[in-house]
Amino acid sequence: MDDSISAQHGVFAILAALYHRSKTGKGQYIDLSMIEVAMSFAPEQALNYAINGKLKGPIGNQDEYMAPHGCYRCKGRTNGWPSRFPMR
């Protein structure tokens, strides 16, 4: 996931630099870090580690803030597992 999100950030930075050049005639220097992009998707965990020194373990299909969240067996079926992932 980090690769594709970093690529999207990179494209946006390139487009912004091209727009800036079209308006001012000056170029831009783009410095993109994949770890910074990845950390923008996990701010709570990064702050918890930085402040408290605690690492969160795996939680599977669960979510700390939303419910219902996960995979549930369908009633009366042996091979049905709908997933429920509410959007924030």
PDB file of N, CA and C in Angstrom:
ATOM      1  N   MET A   1       0.821  -1.189   0.000  1.00  0.00           N
ATOM      2  CA  MET A   1       0.000   0.000   0.000  1.00  0.00           C
ATOM      3  C   MET A   1       0.865   1.252   0.000  1.00  0.00           C
ATOM      4  N   ASP A   2       1.966   1.213   0.723  1.00  0.00           N
ATOM      5  CA  ASP A   2       2.808   2.410   0.802  1.00  0.00           C
ATOM      6  C   ASP A   2       3.343   2.816  -0.554  1.00  0.00           C
ATOM      7  N   ASP A   3       3.650   1.832  -1.415  1.00  0.00           N
ATOM      8  CA  ASP A   3       4.186   2.151  -2.735  1.00  0.00           C
ATOM      9  C   ASP A   3       3.184   2.961  -3.558  1.00  0.00           C
ATOM     10  N   SER A   4       1.934   2.493  -3.590  1.00  0.00           N
ATOM     11  CA  SER A   4       0.945   3.180  -4.418  1.00  0.00           C
ATOM     12  C   SER A   4       0.581   4.553  -3.843  1.00  0.00           C
ATOM     13  N   ILE A   5       0.486   4.657  -2.532  1.00  0.00           N
ATOM     14  CA  ILE A   5       0.164   5.949  -1.913  1.00  0.00           C
ATOM     15  C   ILE A   5       1.324   6.924  -2.107  1.00  0.00           C
ATOM     16  N   SER A   6       2.561   6.442  -1.983  1.00  0.00           N
ATOM     17  CA  SER A   6       3.722   7.309  -2.214  1.00  0.00           C
ATOM     18  C   SER A   6       3.753   7.786  -3.655  1.00  0.00           C
ATOM     19  N   ALA A   7       3.394   6.895  -4.588  1.00  0.00           N
ATOM     20  CA  ALA A   7       3.348   7.292  -5.997  1.00  0.00           C
ATOM     21  C   ALA A   7       2.308   8.386  -6.208  1.00  0.00           C
ATOM     22  N   GLN A   8       1.158   8.257  -5.569  1.00  0.00           N
ATOM     23  CA  GLN A   8       0.126   9.286  -5.697  1.00  0.00           C
ATOM     24  C   GLN A   8       0.612  10.621  -5.130  1.00  0.00           C
ATOM     25  N   HIS A   9       1.286  10.577  -3.992  1.00  0.00           N
ATOM     26  CA  HIS A   9       1.845  11.813  -3.429  1.00  0.00           C
ATOM     27  C   HIS A   9       2.884  12.406  -4.376  1.00  0.00           C
ATOM     28  N   GLY A  10       3.693  11.541  -4.984  1.00  0.00           N
ATOM     29  CA  GLY A  10       4.706  12.008  -5.927  1.00  0.00           C
ATOM     30  C   GLY A  10       4.091  12.681  -7.143  1.00  0.00           C
ATOM     31  N   VAL A  11       3.049  12.087  -7.689  1.00  0.00           N
ATOM     32  CA  VAL A  11       2.365  12.683  -8.847  1.00  0.00           C
ATOM     33  C   VAL A  11       1.788  14.039  -8.461  1.00  0.00           C
ATOM     34  N   PHE A  12       1.171  14.120  -7.300  1.00  0.00           N
ATOM     35  CA  PHE A  12       0.619  15.398  -6.859  1.00  0.00           C
ATOM     36  C   PHE A  12       1.727  16.449  -6.717  1.00  0.00           C
ATOM     37  N   ALA A  13       2.870  16.054  -6.162  1.00  0.00           N
ATOM     38  CA  ALA A  13       3.987  16.995  -6.005  1.00  0.00           C
ATOM     39  C   ALA A  13       4.505  17.452  -7.364  1.00  0.00           C
ATOM     40  N   ILE A  14       4.592  16.532  -8.319  1.00  0.00           N
ATOM     41  CA  ILE A  14       5.042  16.894  -9.668  1.00  0.00           C
ATOM     42  C   ILE A  14       4.068  17.864 -10.323  1.00  0.00           C
ATOM     43  N   LEU A  15       2.779  17.582 -10.205  1.00  0.00           N
ATOM     44  CA  LEU A  15       1.781  18.478 -10.793  1.00  0.00           C
ATOM     45  C   LEU A  15       1.831  19.861 -10.151  1.00  0.00           C
ATOM     46  N   ALA A  16       2.020  19.900  -8.826  1.00  0.00           N
ATOM     47  CA  ALA A  16       2.128  21.196  -8.145  1.00  0.00           C
ATOM     48  C   ALA A  16       3.373  21.940  -8.604  1.00  0.00           C
ATOM     49  N   ALA A  17       4.478  21.220  -8.809  1.00  0.00           N
ATOM     50  CA  ALA A  17       5.710  21.859  -9.272  1.00  0.00           C
ATOM     51  C   ALA A  17       5.550  22.381 -10.704  1.00  0.00           C
ATOM     52  N   LEU A  18       4.876  21.607 -11.550  1.00  0.00           N
ATOM     53  CA  LEU A  18       4.637  22.059 -12.922  1.00  0.00           C
ATOM     54  C   LEU A  18       3.726  23.285 -12.948  1.00  0.00           C
ATOM     55  N   TYR A  19       2.726  23.294 -12.080  1.00  0.00           N
ATOM     56  CA  TYR A  19       1.842  24.455 -11.993  1.00  0.00           C
ATOM     57  C   TYR A  19       2.630  25.693 -11.538  1.00  0.00           C
ATOM     58  N   HIS A  20       3.463  25.504 -10.526  1.00  0.00           N
ATOM     59  CA  HIS A  20       4.287  26.605 -10.020  1.00  0.00           C
ATOM     60  C   HIS A  20       5.205  27.136 -11.127  1.00  0.00           C
ATOM     61  N   ARG A  21       5.807  26.221 -11.908  1.00  0.00           N
ATOM     62  CA  ARG A  21       6.691  26.643 -12.998  1.00  0.00           C
ATOM     63  C   ARG A  21       5.927  27.423 -14.068  1.00  0.00           C
ATOM     64  N   SER A  22       4.691  26.997 -14.341  1.00  0.00           N
ATOM     65  CA  SER A  22       3.909  27.706 -15.362  1.00  0.00           C
ATOM     66  C   SER A  22       3.536  29.123 -14.918  1.00  0.00           C
ATOM     67  N   LYS A  23       3.407  29.318 -13.617  1.00  0.00           N
ATOM     68  CA  LYS A  23       3.044  30.641 -13.092  1.00  0.00           C
ATOM     69  C   LYS A  23       4.260  31.540 -12.853  1.00  0.00           C
ATOM     70  N   THR A  24       5.381  30.958 -12.423  1.00  0.00           N
ATOM     71  CA  THR A  24       6.534  31.770 -12.016  1.00  0.00           C
ATOM     72  C   THR A  24       7.754  31.600 -12.916  1.00  0.00           C
ATOM     73  N   GLY A  25       7.802  30.503 -13.678  1.00  0.00           N
ATOM     74  CA  GLY A  25       8.983  30.217 -14.491  1.00  0.00           C
ATOM     75  C   GLY A  25      10.102  29.571 -13.703  1.00  0.00           C
ATOM     76  N   LYS A  26       9.882  29.325 -12.421  1.00  0.00           N
ATOM     77  CA  LYS A  26      10.908  28.717 -11.565  1.00  0.00           C
ATOM     78  C   LYS A  26      10.554  27.254 -11.276  1.00  0.00           C
ATOM     79  N   GLY A  27      11.576  26.433 -11.186  1.00  0.00           N
ATOM     80  CA  GLY A  27      11.388  25.014 -10.878  1.00  0.00           C
ATOM     81  C   GLY A  27      11.286  24.763  -9.389  1.00  0.00           C
ATOM     82  N   GLN A  28      11.042  23.525  -9.041  1.00  0.00           N
ATOM     83  CA  GLN A  28      10.908  23.117  -7.644  1.00  0.00           C
ATOM     84  C   GLN A  28      11.782  21.895  -7.387  1.00  0.00           C
ATOM     85  N   TYR A  29      12.205  21.735  -6.151  1.00  0.00           N
ATOM     86  CA  TYR A  29      12.917  20.531  -5.722  1.00  0.00           C
ATOM     87  C   TYR A  29      11.922  19.680  -4.947  1.00  0.00           C
ATOM     88  N   ILE A  30      11.739  18.421  -5.361  1.00  0.00           N
ATOM     89  CA  ILE A  30      10.783  17.528  -4.709  1.00  0.00           C
ATOM     90  C   ILE A  30      11.558  16.476  -3.919  1.00  0.00           C
ATOM     91  N   ASP A  31      11.281  16.394  -2.640  1.00  0.00           N
ATOM     92  CA  ASP A  31      11.892  15.401  -1.760  1.00  0.00           C
ATOM     93  C   ASP A  31      10.762  14.600  -1.130  1.00  0.00           C
ATOM     94  N   LEU A  32      10.612  13.338  -1.532  1.00  0.00           N
ATOM     95  CA  LEU A  32       9.495  12.514  -1.072  1.00  0.00           C
ATOM     96  C   LEU A  32      10.028  11.305  -0.312  1.00  0.00           C
ATOM     97  N   SER A  33       9.571  11.143   0.902  1.00  0.00           N
ATOM     98  CA  SER A  33       9.984  10.023   1.738  1.00  0.00           C
ATOM     99  C   SER A  33       8.821   9.048   1.896  1.00  0.00           C
ATOM    100  N   MET A  34       9.047   7.781   1.562  1.00  0.00           N
ATOM    101  CA  MET A  34       7.984   6.786   1.697  1.00  0.00           C
ATOM    102  C   MET A  34       7.579   6.593   3.156  1.00  0.00           C
ATOM    103  N   ILE A  35       8.531   6.688   4.084  1.00  0.00           N
ATOM    104  CA  ILE A  35       8.196   6.480   5.495  1.00  0.00           C
ATOM    105  C   ILE A  35       7.312   7.608   6.007  1.00  0.00           C
ATOM    106  N   GLU A  36       7.527   8.822   5.536  1.00  0.00           N
ATOM    107  CA  GLU A  36       6.674   9.936   5.956  1.00  0.00           C
ATOM    108  C   GLU A  36       5.261   9.782   5.409  1.00  0.00           C
ATOM    109  N   VAL A  37       5.154   9.299   4.172  1.00  0.00           N
ATOM    110  CA  VAL A  37       3.831   9.038   3.607  1.00  0.00           C
ATOM    111  C   VAL A  37       3.142   7.939   4.403  1.00  0.00           C
ATOM    112  N   ALA A  38       3.864   6.862   4.707  1.00  0.00           N
ATOM    113  CA  ALA A  38       3.279   5.745   5.457  1.00  0.00           C
ATOM    114  C   ALA A  38       2.846   6.182   6.852  1.00  0.00           C
ATOM    115  N   MET A  39       3.634   7.015   7.501  1.00  0.00           N
ATOM    116  CA  MET A  39       3.304   7.447   8.857  1.00  0.00           C
ATOM    117  C   MET A  39       2.088   8.366   8.891  1.00  0.00           C
ATOM    118  N   SER A  40       1.760   8.986   7.766  1.00  0.00           N
ATOM    119  CA  SER A  40       0.578   9.838   7.745  1.00  0.00           C
ATOM    120  C   SER A  40      -0.705   9.015   7.845  1.00  0.00           C
ATOM    121  N   PHE A  41      -0.594   7.694   7.658  1.00  0.00           N
ATOM    122  CA  PHE A  41      -1.755   6.820   7.771  1.00  0.00           C
ATOM    123  C   PHE A  41      -1.844   6.132   9.128  1.00  0.00           C
ATOM    124  N   ALA A  42      -0.903   6.371  10.004  1.00  0.00           N
ATOM    125  CA  ALA A  42      -0.928   5.750  11.324  1.00  0.00           C
ATOM    126  C   ALA A  42      -0.486   6.734  12.403  1.00  0.00           C
ATOM    127  N   PRO A  43      -1.107   7.935  12.465  1.00  0.00           N
ATOM    128  CA  PRO A  43      -0.617   8.938  13.415  1.00  0.00           C
ATOM    129  C   PRO A  43      -0.801   8.537  14.874  1.00  0.00           C
ATOM    130  N   GLU A  44      -1.898   7.841  15.188  1.00  0.00           N
ATOM    131  CA  GLU A  44      -2.133   7.466  16.587  1.00  0.00           C
ATOM    132  C   GLU A  44      -1.057   6.502  17.080  1.00  0.00           C
ATOM    133  N   GLN A  45      -0.711   5.502  16.255  1.00  0.00           N
ATOM    134  CA  GLN A  45       0.295   4.530  16.662  1.00  0.00           C
ATOM    135  C   GLN A  45       1.680   5.174  16.766  1.00  0.00           C
ATOM    136  N   ALA A  46       1.993   6.086  15.842  1.00  0.00           N
ATOM    137  CA  ALA A  46       3.292   6.750  15.887  1.00  0.00           C
ATOM    138  C   ALA A  46       3.422   7.610  17.142  1.00  0.00           C
ATOM    139  N   LEU A  47       2.367   8.354  17.479  1.00  0.00           N
ATOM    140  CA  LEU A  47       2.410   9.186  18.691  1.00  0.00           C
ATOM    141  C   LEU A  47       2.446   8.335  19.951  1.00  0.00           C
ATOM    142  N   ASN A  48       1.695   7.245  19.972  1.00  0.00           N
ATOM    143  CA  ASN A  48       1.696   6.371  21.142  1.00  0.00           C
ATOM    144  C   ASN A  48       3.094   5.803  21.389  1.00  0.00           C
ATOM    145  N   TYR A  49       3.793   5.456  20.317  1.00  0.00           N
ATOM    146  CA  TYR A  49       5.151   4.945  20.490  1.00  0.00           C
ATOM    147  C   TYR A  49       6.110   6.063  20.894  1.00  0.00           C
ATOM    148  N   ALA A  50       5.997   7.228  20.248  1.00  0.00           N
ATOM    149  CA  ALA A  50       6.909   8.338  20.543  1.00  0.00           C
ATOM    150  C   ALA A  50       6.748   8.847  21.972  1.00  0.00           C
ATOM    151  N   ILE A  51       5.509   8.897  22.461  1.00  0.00           N
ATOM    152  CA  ILE A  51       5.255   9.463  23.787  1.00  0.00           C
ATOM    153  C   ILE A  51       5.339   8.409  24.889  1.00  0.00           C
ATOM    154  N   ASN A  52       4.714   7.245  24.661  1.00  0.00           N
ATOM    155  CA  ASN A  52       4.614   6.231  25.702  1.00  0.00           C
ATOM    156  C   ASN A  52       5.553   5.056  25.523  1.00  0.00           C
ATOM    157  N   GLY A  53       6.171   4.945  24.355  1.00  0.00           N
ATOM    158  CA  GLY A  53       7.064   3.815  24.093  1.00  0.00           C
ATOM    159  C   GLY A  53       6.327   2.497  23.924  1.00  0.00           C
ATOM    160  N   LYS A  54       5.026   2.540  23.624  1.00  0.00           N
ATOM    161  CA  LYS A  54       4.229   1.323  23.485  1.00  0.00           C
ATOM    162  C   LYS A  54       3.993   1.004  22.017  1.00  0.00           C
ATOM    163  N   LEU A  55       4.157  -0.273  21.684  1.00  0.00           N
ATOM    164  CA  LEU A  55       3.857  -0.754  20.342  1.00  0.00           C
ATOM    165  C   LEU A  55       2.551  -1.523  20.371  1.00  0.00           C
ATOM    166  N   LYS A  56       1.707  -1.276  19.380  1.00  0.00           N
ATOM    167  CA  LYS A  56       0.435  -1.982  19.297  1.00  0.00           C
ATOM    168  C   LYS A  56       0.632  -3.263  18.502  1.00  0.00           C
ATOM    169  N   GLY A  57       0.098  -4.353  18.990  1.00  0.00           N
ATOM    170  CA  GLY A  57       0.194  -5.630  18.303  1.00  0.00           C
ATOM    171  C   GLY A  57      -0.884  -5.783  17.255  1.00  0.00           C
ATOM    172  N   PRO A  58      -0.831  -6.884  16.530  1.00  0.00           N
ATOM    173  CA  PRO A  58      -1.848  -7.125  15.503  1.00  0.00           C
ATOM    174  C   PRO A  58      -3.233  -7.305  16.111  1.00  0.00           C
ATOM    175  N   ILE A  59      -4.260  -6.818  15.395  1.00  0.00           N
ATOM    176  CA  ILE A  59      -5.634  -6.952  15.887  1.00  0.00           C
ATOM    177  C   ILE A  59      -6.528  -7.685  14.895  1.00  0.00           C
ATOM    178  N   GLY A  60      -5.921  -8.240  13.836  1.00  0.00           N
ATOM    179  CA  GLY A  60      -6.704  -9.018  12.872  1.00  0.00           C
ATOM    180  C   GLY A  60      -7.682  -8.157  12.103  1.00  0.00           C
ATOM    181  N   ASN A  61      -8.922  -8.619  12.011  1.00  0.00           N
ATOM    182  CA  ASN A  61      -9.952  -7.901  11.262  1.00  0.00           C
ATOM    183  C   ASN A  61     -10.712  -6.895  12.120  1.00  0.00           C
ATOM    184  N   GLN A  62     -10.317  -6.704  13.336  1.00  0.00           N
ATOM    185  CA  GLN A  62     -11.033  -5.802  14.236  1.00  0.00           C
ATOM    186  C   GLN A  62     -10.572  -4.362  14.030  1.00  0.00           C
ATOM    187  N   ASP A  63     -11.321  -3.446  14.585  1.00  0.00           N
ATOM    188  CA  ASP A  63     -10.961  -2.039  14.540  1.00  0.00           C
ATOM    189  C   ASP A  63     -11.200  -1.444  15.918  1.00  0.00           C
ATOM    190  N   GLU A  64     -10.297  -0.597  16.338  1.00  0.00           N
ATOM    191  CA  GLU A  64     -10.361  -0.015  17.673  1.00  0.00           C
ATOM    192  C   GLU A  64     -11.490   1.001  17.822  1.00  0.00           C
ATOM    193  N   TYR A  65     -11.888   1.639  16.721  1.00  0.00           N
ATOM    194  CA  TYR A  65     -12.825   2.745  16.799  1.00  0.00           C
ATOM    195  C   TYR A  65     -14.178   2.503  16.150  1.00  0.00           C
ATOM    196  N   MET A  66     -14.306   1.482  15.301  1.00  0.00           N
ATOM    197  CA  MET A  66     -15.542   1.280  14.562  1.00  0.00           C
ATOM    198  C   MET A  66     -16.110  -0.119  14.818  1.00  0.00           C
ATOM    199  N   ALA A  67     -17.423  -0.219  14.871  1.00  0.00           N
ATOM    200  CA  ALA A  67     -18.087  -1.513  15.009  1.00  0.00           C
ATOM    201  C   ALA A  67     -19.412  -1.444  14.271  1.00  0.00           C
ATOM    202  N   PRO A  68     -19.904  -2.467  13.650  1.00  0.00           N
ATOM    203  CA  PRO A  68     -19.237  -3.761  13.502  1.00  0.00           C
ATOM    204  C   PRO A  68     -18.124  -3.668  12.475  1.00  0.00           C
ATOM    205  N   HIS A  69     -17.105  -4.471  12.648  1.00  0.00           N
ATOM    206  CA  HIS A  69     -15.955  -4.451  11.759  1.00  0.00           C
ATOM    207  C   HIS A  69     -15.353  -5.841  11.759  1.00  0.00           C
ATOM    208  N   GLY A  70     -15.321  -6.487  10.622  1.00  0.00           N
ATOM    209  CA  GLY A  70     -14.720  -7.807  10.555  1.00  0.00           C
ATOM    210  C   GLY A  70     -15.446  -8.705   9.574  1.00  0.00           C
ATOM    211  N   CYS A  71     -15.153  -9.993   9.650  1.00  0.00           N
ATOM    212  CA  CYS A  71     -15.775 -10.999   8.795  1.00  0.00           C
ATOM    213  C   CYS A  71     -16.726 -11.830   9.639  1.00  0.00           C
ATOM    214  N   TYR A  72     -17.899 -12.087   9.094  1.00  0.00           N
ATOM    215  CA  TYR A  72     -18.929 -12.802   9.841  1.00  0.00           C
ATOM    216  C   TYR A  72     -19.480 -13.945   9.003  1.00  0.00           C
ATOM    217  N   ARG A  73     -19.699 -15.094   9.625  1.00  0.00           N
ATOM    218  CA  ARG A  73     -20.258 -16.248   8.936  1.00  0.00           C
ATOM    219  C   ARG A  73     -21.725 -15.979   8.611  1.00  0.00           C
ATOM    220  N   CYS A  74     -22.132 -16.326   7.383  1.00  0.00           N
ATOM    221  CA  CYS A  74     -23.520 -16.163   6.971  1.00  0.00           C
ATOM    222  C   CYS A  74     -24.383 -17.258   7.604  1.00  0.00           C
ATOM    223  N   LYS A  75     -25.556 -16.886   8.046  1.00  0.00           N
ATOM    224  CA  LYS A  75     -26.472 -17.847   8.636  1.00  0.00           C
ATOM    225  C   LYS A  75     -26.966 -18.817   7.561  1.00  0.00           C
ATOM    226  N   GLY A  76     -26.884 -20.113   7.836  1.00  0.00           N
ATOM    227  CA  GLY A  76     -27.385 -21.124   6.922  1.00  0.00           C
ATOM    228  C   GLY A  76     -26.462 -21.440   5.760  1.00  0.00           C
ATOM    229  N   ARG A  77     -25.280 -20.859   5.710  1.00  0.00           N
ATOM    230  CA  ARG A  77     -24.335 -21.142   4.634  1.00  0.00           C
ATOM    231  C   ARG A  77     -23.014 -21.591   5.227  1.00  0.00           C
ATOM    232  N   THR A  78     -22.356 -22.505   4.555  1.00  0.00           N
ATOM    233  CA  THR A  78     -21.071 -22.988   5.062  1.00  0.00           C
ATOM    234  C   THR A  78     -19.899 -22.256   4.431  1.00  0.00           C
ATOM    235  N   ASN A  79     -20.141 -21.557   3.329  1.00  0.00           N
ATOM    236  CA  ASN A  79     -19.037 -20.919   2.631  1.00  0.00           C
ATOM    237  C   ASN A  79     -19.305 -19.429   2.381  1.00  0.00           C
ATOM    238  N   GLY A  80     -19.983 -18.764   3.280  1.00  0.00           N
ATOM    239  CA  GLY A  80     -20.273 -17.343   3.090  1.00  0.00           C
ATOM    240  C   GLY A  80     -19.680 -16.511   4.201  1.00  0.00           C
ATOM    241  N   TRP A  81     -18.832 -15.586   3.839  1.00  0.00           N
ATOM    242  CA  TRP A  81     -18.184 -14.716   4.819  1.00  0.00           C
ATOM    243  C   TRP A  81     -18.220 -13.265   4.336  1.00  0.00           C
ATOM    244  N   PRO A  82     -19.316 -12.537   4.536  1.00  0.00           N
ATOM    245  CA  PRO A  82     -19.309 -11.126   4.129  1.00  0.00           C
ATOM    246  C   PRO A  82     -18.422 -10.314   5.060  1.00  0.00           C
ATOM    247  N   SER A  83     -17.838  -9.302   4.522  1.00  0.00           N
ATOM    248  CA  SER A  83     -16.980  -8.434   5.322  1.00  0.00           C
ATOM    249  C   SER A  83     -17.689  -7.107   5.559  1.00  0.00           C
ATOM    250  N   ARG A  84     -17.429  -6.530   6.697  1.00  0.00           N
ATOM    251  CA  ARG A  84     -18.014  -5.236   7.060  1.00  0.00           C
ATOM    252  C   ARG A  84     -16.896  -4.321   7.466  1.00  0.00           C
ATOM    253  N   PHE A  85     -16.634  -3.302   6.639  1.00  0.00           N
ATOM    254  CA  PHE A  85     -15.595  -2.334   6.930  1.00  0.00           C
ATOM    255  C   PHE A  85     -16.150  -0.933   6.723  1.00  0.00           C
ATOM    256  N   PRO A  86     -16.730  -0.323   7.750  1.00  0.00           N
ATOM    257  CA  PRO A  86     -17.292   1.013   7.594  1.00  0.00           C
ATOM    258  C   PRO A  86     -16.210   2.029   7.246  1.00  0.00           C
ATOM    259  N   MET A  87     -16.573   2.984   6.427  1.00  0.00           N
ATOM    260  CA  MET A  87     -15.627   4.041   6.068  1.00  0.00           C
ATOM    261  C   MET A  87     -15.654   5.120   7.144  1.00  0.00           C
ATOM    262  N   ARG A  88     -14.513   5.703   7.398  1.00  0.00           N
ATOM    263  CA  ARG A  88     -14.417   6.765   8.405  1.00  0.00           C
ATOM    264  C   ARG A  88     -14.937   8.052   7.846  1.00  0.00           C
TER     265      ARG A  88
END
